Amino acid sequence: MQVDLDKVRDASMVTFDFRGGGGSRSQNNGAVQQVRIRPLSYTIKPRVADNTVYCTLDKHRKLSVEFNGDKLLTLHVFANALETEKPDPKDPHVMYFGSGIYTPPDLPGSVIHVPSNTTVYLAGGAVLQAKLVVDHAENVRIIGRGILDQPERGVEVTFSRNVTI
């Protein structure tokens, strides 16, 4: 994924869901001498063996893993609770994007207008390469574990009420 609007650069990410505590490991392509897991306030103590980083998570966290003191090229870890809300893909008030890459070719500027009383659901593993526009609408929800891959203004909400993202 690309991060930082001022100086765009590539970064790695991983996302997974789990219940309770658990272990995690990450293998680096280069030699690992030092590892820091942020935020530091979580006091997560990594262990390194054979260029692989091991750590234990006591609960769901969003973390940044720095290798060898490099704060820019990090691994972003999204360790989520199990998902509890998945709408019915056949519901006429649901825009459902299952696992896969979606690039709407027939939409000018890849814009999807979201009407009132609609849930947009991005399932885990879904990548939507479009902009979501909620304009003069109400009761709209944009939910899920998928990725909205739109570098500028991925979600635009104007003159609307009761919108959850």
C-alpha atoms as a PDB file:
ATOM      1  CA  MET A   1       0.000   0.000   0.000  1.00  0.00           C
ATOM      2  CA  GLN A   2       1.070   3.585  -0.422  1.00  0.00           C
ATOM      3  CA  VAL A   3       1.306   5.861   2.629  1.00  0.00           C
ATOM      4  CA  ASP A   4       2.070   9.507   3.436  1.00  0.00           C
ATOM      5  CA  LEU A   5       0.466  12.158   1.248  1.00  0.00           C
ATOM      6  CA  ASP A   6       3.505  14.467   1.457  1.00  0.00           C
ATOM      7  CA  LYS A   7       6.123  11.969   0.302  1.00  0.00           C
ATOM      8  CA  VAL A   8       4.302   8.930  -1.076  1.00  0.00           C
ATOM      9  CA  ARG A   9       6.086   5.646  -0.478  1.00  0.00           C
ATOM     10  CA  ASP A  10       5.255   1.971  -0.399  1.00  0.00           C
ATOM     11  CA  ALA A  11       4.628   0.162   2.869  1.00  0.00           C
ATOM     12  CA  SER A  12       3.537  -3.364   3.694  1.00  0.00           C
ATOM     13  CA  MET A  13       0.412  -4.315   5.590  1.00  0.00           C
ATOM     14  CA  VAL A  14      -1.305  -7.377   6.948  1.00  0.00           C
ATOM     15  CA  THR A  15      -4.807  -7.712   8.325  1.00  0.00           C
ATOM     16  CA  PHE A  16      -6.327 -10.641  10.170  1.00  0.00           C
ATOM     17  CA  ASP A  17      -9.136 -11.367  12.595  1.00  0.00           C
ATOM     18  CA  PHE A  18      -8.780 -13.372  15.784  1.00  0.00           C
ATOM     19  CA  ARG A  19     -10.492 -14.130  19.085  1.00  0.00           C
ATOM     20  CA  GLY A  20      -8.670 -13.765  22.398  1.00  0.00           C
ATOM     21  CA  GLY A  21      -4.894 -13.639  22.653  1.00  0.00           C
ATOM     22  CA  GLY A  22      -2.591 -15.041  20.055  1.00  0.00           C
ATOM     23  CA  GLY A  23       0.828 -15.040  18.481  1.00  0.00           C
ATOM     24  CA  SER A  24       2.012 -13.341  15.344  1.00  0.00           C
ATOM     25  CA  ARG A  25       5.147 -13.559  13.265  1.00  0.00           C
ATOM     26  CA  SER A  26       6.612 -11.611  10.394  1.00  0.00           C
ATOM     27  CA  GLN A  27       9.567 -12.502   8.221  1.00  0.00           C
ATOM     28  CA  ASN A  28      11.681  -9.719   6.777  1.00  0.00           C
ATOM     29  CA  ASN A  29      13.416  -9.948   3.382  1.00  0.00           C
ATOM     30  CA  GLY A  30      16.610  -8.437   4.797  1.00  0.00           C
ATOM     31  CA  ALA A  31      18.659  -8.989   7.907  1.00  0.00           C
ATOM     32  CA  VAL A  32      16.857  -7.974  11.097  1.00  0.00           C
ATOM     33  CA  GLN A  33      19.032  -6.478  13.814  1.00  0.00           C
ATOM     34  CA  GLN A  34      16.442  -4.384  15.646  1.00  0.00           C
ATOM     35  CA  VAL A  35      12.631  -4.332  15.863  1.00  0.00           C
ATOM     36  CA  ARG A  36      10.337  -1.761  17.438  1.00  0.00           C
ATOM     37  CA  ILE A  37       6.571  -2.206  17.647  1.00  0.00           C
ATOM     38  CA  ARG A  38       4.508   0.970  17.916  1.00  0.00           C
ATOM     39  CA  PRO A  39       2.700   2.402  19.686  1.00  0.00           C
ATOM     40  CA  LEU A  40       5.351   1.946  22.342  1.00  0.00           C
ATOM     41  CA  SER A  41       2.725   2.365  25.078  1.00  0.00           C
ATOM     42  CA  TYR A  42       1.517  -1.200  24.340  1.00  0.00           C
ATOM     43  CA  THR A  43       4.934  -2.488  25.524  1.00  0.00           C
ATOM     44  CA  ILE A  44       4.868  -5.417  23.089  1.00  0.00           C
ATOM     45  CA  LYS A  45       8.176  -7.264  23.339  1.00  0.00           C
ATOM     46  CA  PRO A  46       9.214  -8.798  20.011  1.00  0.00           C
ATOM     47  CA  ARG A  47      11.580 -11.742  19.687  1.00  0.00           C
ATOM     48  CA  VAL A  48      13.807 -12.122  16.599  1.00  0.00           C
ATOM     49  CA  ALA A  49      15.123 -15.443  15.265  1.00  0.00           C
ATOM     50  CA  ASP A  50      16.358 -16.149  11.711  1.00  0.00           C
ATOM     51  CA  ASN A  51      15.060 -12.805  10.348  1.00  0.00           C
ATOM     52  CA  THR A  52      11.609 -13.609  11.707  1.00  0.00           C
ATOM     53  CA  VAL A  53       9.884 -11.432  14.296  1.00  0.00           C
ATOM     54  CA  TYR A  54       7.619 -13.093  16.858  1.00  0.00           C
ATOM     55  CA  CYS A  55       5.260 -11.400  19.290  1.00  0.00           C
ATOM     56  CA  THR A  56       2.190 -12.168  21.361  1.00  0.00           C
ATOM     57  CA  LEU A  57      -0.942 -10.029  21.258  1.00  0.00           C
ATOM     58  CA  ASP A  58      -3.207  -9.947  24.290  1.00  0.00           C
ATOM     59  CA  LYS A  59      -6.016  -8.232  22.383  1.00  0.00           C
ATOM     60  CA  HIS A  60      -6.924  -6.654  19.076  1.00  0.00           C
ATOM     61  CA  ARG A  61      -4.469  -3.964  18.005  1.00  0.00           C
ATOM     62  CA  LYS A  62      -3.394  -1.720  15.176  1.00  0.00           C
ATOM     63  CA  LEU A  63       0.402  -1.711  15.103  1.00  0.00           C
ATOM     64  CA  SER A  64       3.404  -0.466  13.170  1.00  0.00           C
ATOM     65  CA  VAL A  65       6.492  -2.681  13.083  1.00  0.00           C
ATOM     66  CA  GLU A  66       9.807  -0.937  12.401  1.00  0.00           C
ATOM     67  CA  PHE A  67      12.805  -2.909  11.210  1.00  0.00           C
ATOM     68  CA  ASN A  68      16.368  -1.758  11.907  1.00  0.00           C
ATOM     69  CA  GLY A  69      15.334   1.739  13.012  1.00  0.00           C
ATOM     70  CA  ASP A  70      13.580   2.619   9.742  1.00  0.00           C
ATOM     71  CA  LYS A  71      10.402   4.551  10.647  1.00  0.00           C
ATOM     72  CA  LEU A  72       9.314   4.959   7.024  1.00  0.00           C
ATOM     73  CA  LEU A  73       9.327   1.463   5.557  1.00  0.00           C
ATOM     74  CA  THR A  74       7.232  -0.283   8.183  1.00  0.00           C
ATOM     75  CA  LEU A  75       4.851  -3.199   8.383  1.00  0.00           C
ATOM     76  CA  HIS A  76       1.340  -2.089   9.355  1.00  0.00           C
ATOM     77  CA  VAL A  77      -0.501  -4.789  11.319  1.00  0.00           C
ATOM     78  CA  PHE A  78      -4.275  -4.706  11.726  1.00  0.00           C
ATOM     79  CA  ALA A  79      -5.149  -7.440  14.229  1.00  0.00           C
ATOM     80  CA  ASN A  80      -8.950  -7.210  14.397  1.00  0.00           C
ATOM     81  CA  ALA A  81     -11.694  -8.729  16.498  1.00  0.00           C
ATOM     82  CA  LEU A  82     -13.880 -11.222  14.665  1.00  0.00           C
ATOM     83  CA  GLU A  83     -16.340  -9.467  12.398  1.00  0.00           C
ATOM     84  CA  THR A  84     -19.871  -9.603  13.765  1.00  0.00           C
ATOM     85  CA  GLU A  85     -21.863  -7.698  11.166  1.00  0.00           C
ATOM     86  CA  LYS A  86     -22.102  -8.989   7.619  1.00  0.00           C
ATOM     87  CA  PRO A  87     -25.119  -7.837   5.632  1.00  0.00           C
ATOM     88  CA  ASP A  88     -27.009 -10.082   3.232  1.00  0.00           C
ATOM     89  CA  PRO A  89     -25.490  -9.645  -0.261  1.00  0.00           C
ATOM     90  CA  LYS A  90     -28.957 -10.182  -1.782  1.00  0.00           C
ATOM     91  CA  ASP A  91     -30.538  -7.339   0.196  1.00  0.00           C
ATOM     92  CA  PRO A  92     -31.580  -4.634  -2.320  1.00  0.00           C
ATOM     93  CA  HIS A  93     -30.346  -1.943   0.099  1.00  0.00           C
ATOM     94  CA  VAL A  94     -26.812  -3.371   0.191  1.00  0.00           C
ATOM     95  CA  MET A  95     -23.927  -2.690  -2.207  1.00  0.00           C
ATOM     96  CA  TYR A  96     -21.885  -5.817  -1.496  1.00  0.00           C
ATOM     97  CA  PHE A  97     -18.265  -6.162  -2.586  1.00  0.00           C
ATOM     98  CA  GLY A  98     -16.946  -9.644  -1.842  1.00  0.00           C
ATOM     99  CA  SER A  99     -13.323 -10.716  -1.949  1.00  0.00           C
ATOM    100  CA  GLY A 100     -11.631  -9.509  -5.156  1.00  0.00           C
ATOM    101  CA  ILE A 101     -10.538  -6.361  -6.969  1.00  0.00           C
ATOM    102  CA  TYR A 102     -13.251  -4.031  -8.259  1.00  0.00           C
ATOM    103  CA  THR A 103     -12.414  -1.337 -10.796  1.00  0.00           C
ATOM    104  CA  PRO A 104     -15.685   0.000 -12.175  1.00  0.00           C
ATOM    105  CA  PRO A 105     -14.805   0.640 -15.850  1.00  0.00           C
ATOM    106  CA  ASP A 106     -18.187   2.069 -16.814  1.00  0.00           C
ATOM    107  CA  LEU A 107     -18.208   4.823 -14.189  1.00  0.00           C
ATOM    108  CA  PRO A 108     -16.825   8.259 -15.098  1.00  0.00           C
ATOM    109  CA  GLY A 109     -13.904   8.901 -12.765  1.00  0.00           C
ATOM    110  CA  SER A 110     -14.704   5.646 -10.964  1.00  0.00           C
ATOM    111  CA  VAL A 111     -17.339   7.319  -8.787  1.00  0.00           C
ATOM    112  CA  ILE A 112     -20.085   5.355  -7.054  1.00  0.00           C
ATOM    113  CA  HIS A 113     -23.023   7.425  -5.824  1.00  0.00           C
ATOM    114  CA  VAL A 114     -24.515   5.933  -2.663  1.00  0.00           C
ATOM    115  CA  PRO A 115     -28.247   6.624  -2.221  1.00  0.00           C
ATOM    116  CA  SER A 116     -30.184   6.973   1.027  1.00  0.00           C
ATOM    117  CA  ASN A 117     -30.924   3.890   3.149  1.00  0.00           C
ATOM    118  CA  THR A 118     -27.959   1.961   1.721  1.00  0.00           C
ATOM    119  CA  THR A 119     -25.177  -0.106   3.287  1.00  0.00           C
ATOM    120  CA  VAL A 120     -21.922  -0.381   1.350  1.00  0.00           C
ATOM    121  CA  TYR A 121     -20.087  -3.497   2.524  1.00  0.00           C
ATOM    122  CA  LEU A 122     -16.455  -4.239   1.676  1.00  0.00           C
ATOM    123  CA  ALA A 123     -15.730  -7.827   2.693  1.00  0.00           C
ATOM    124  CA  GLY A 124     -12.284  -8.850   3.884  1.00  0.00           C
ATOM    125  CA  GLY A 125     -10.153  -9.307   0.777  1.00  0.00           C
ATOM    126  CA  ALA A 126     -12.191  -6.803  -1.252  1.00  0.00           C
ATOM    127  CA  VAL A 127     -10.359  -3.911  -2.920  1.00  0.00           C
ATOM    128  CA  LEU A 128     -12.622  -1.232  -4.377  1.00  0.00           C
ATOM    129  CA  GLN A 129     -10.820   1.186  -6.691  1.00  0.00           C
ATOM    130  CA  ALA A 130     -13.490   3.864  -6.739  1.00  0.00           C
ATOM    131  CA  LYS A 131     -14.666   6.941  -4.902  1.00  0.00           C
ATOM    132  CA  LEU A 132     -17.830   6.658  -2.801  1.00  0.00           C
ATOM    133  CA  VAL A 133     -20.012   9.772  -2.899  1.00  0.00           C
ATOM    134  CA  VAL A 134     -22.822  10.293  -0.394  1.00  0.00           C
ATOM    135  CA  ASP A 135     -24.623  13.469  -1.439  1.00  0.00           C
ATOM    136  CA  HIS A 136     -28.017  14.669  -0.173  1.00  0.00           C
ATOM    137  CA  ALA A 137     -28.579  11.253   1.382  1.00  0.00           C
ATOM    138  CA  GLU A 138     -29.410   9.832   4.788  1.00  0.00           C
ATOM    139  CA  ASN A 139     -29.083   6.545   6.654  1.00  0.00           C
ATOM    140  CA  VAL A 140     -25.950   5.379   4.834  1.00  0.00           C
ATOM    141  CA  ARG A 141     -23.376   2.951   6.241  1.00  0.00           C
ATOM    142  CA  ILE A 142     -19.979   2.117   4.765  1.00  0.00           C
ATOM    143  CA  ILE A 143     -18.648  -0.914   6.639  1.00  0.00           C
ATOM    144  CA  GLY A 144     -16.448  -3.983   6.339  1.00  0.00           C
ATOM    145  CA  ARG A 145     -12.828  -5.109   6.386  1.00  0.00           C
ATOM    146  CA  GLY A 146     -12.042  -4.504   2.741  1.00  0.00           C
ATOM    147  CA  ILE A 147      -9.913  -1.749   1.246  1.00  0.00           C
ATOM    148  CA  LEU A 148     -11.075   1.401  -0.486  1.00  0.00           C
ATOM    149  CA  ASP A 149      -8.168   2.138  -2.828  1.00  0.00           C
ATOM    150  CA  GLN A 150      -8.743   5.710  -3.936  1.00  0.00           C
ATOM    151  CA  PRO A 151      -5.820   8.091  -3.390  1.00  0.00           C
ATOM    152  CA  GLU A 152      -7.858  11.295  -3.205  1.00  0.00           C
ATOM    153  CA  ARG A 153     -11.100  11.714  -1.306  1.00  0.00           C
ATOM    154  CA  GLY A 154     -12.036   8.046  -1.212  1.00  0.00           C
ATOM    155  CA  VAL A 155     -15.285   8.843   0.594  1.00  0.00           C
ATOM    156  CA  GLU A 156     -17.016  12.164   0.064  1.00  0.00           C
ATOM    157  CA  VAL A 157     -20.024  13.087   2.205  1.00  0.00           C
ATOM    158  CA  THR A 158     -21.924  16.318   1.483  1.00  0.00           C
ATOM    159  CA  PHE A 159     -25.313  17.611   2.641  1.00  0.00           C
ATOM    160  CA  SER A 160     -26.144  14.249   4.242  1.00  0.00           C
ATOM    161  CA  ARG A 161     -27.353  12.939   7.615  1.00  0.00           C
ATOM    162  CA  ASN A 162     -26.840   9.801   9.664  1.00  0.00           C
ATOM    163  CA  VAL A 163     -23.794   8.507   7.766  1.00  0.00           C
ATOM    164  CA  THR A 164     -21.570   5.864   9.389  1.00  0.00           C
ATOM    165  CA  ILE A 165     -18.141   5.022   8.013  1.00  0.00           C
END
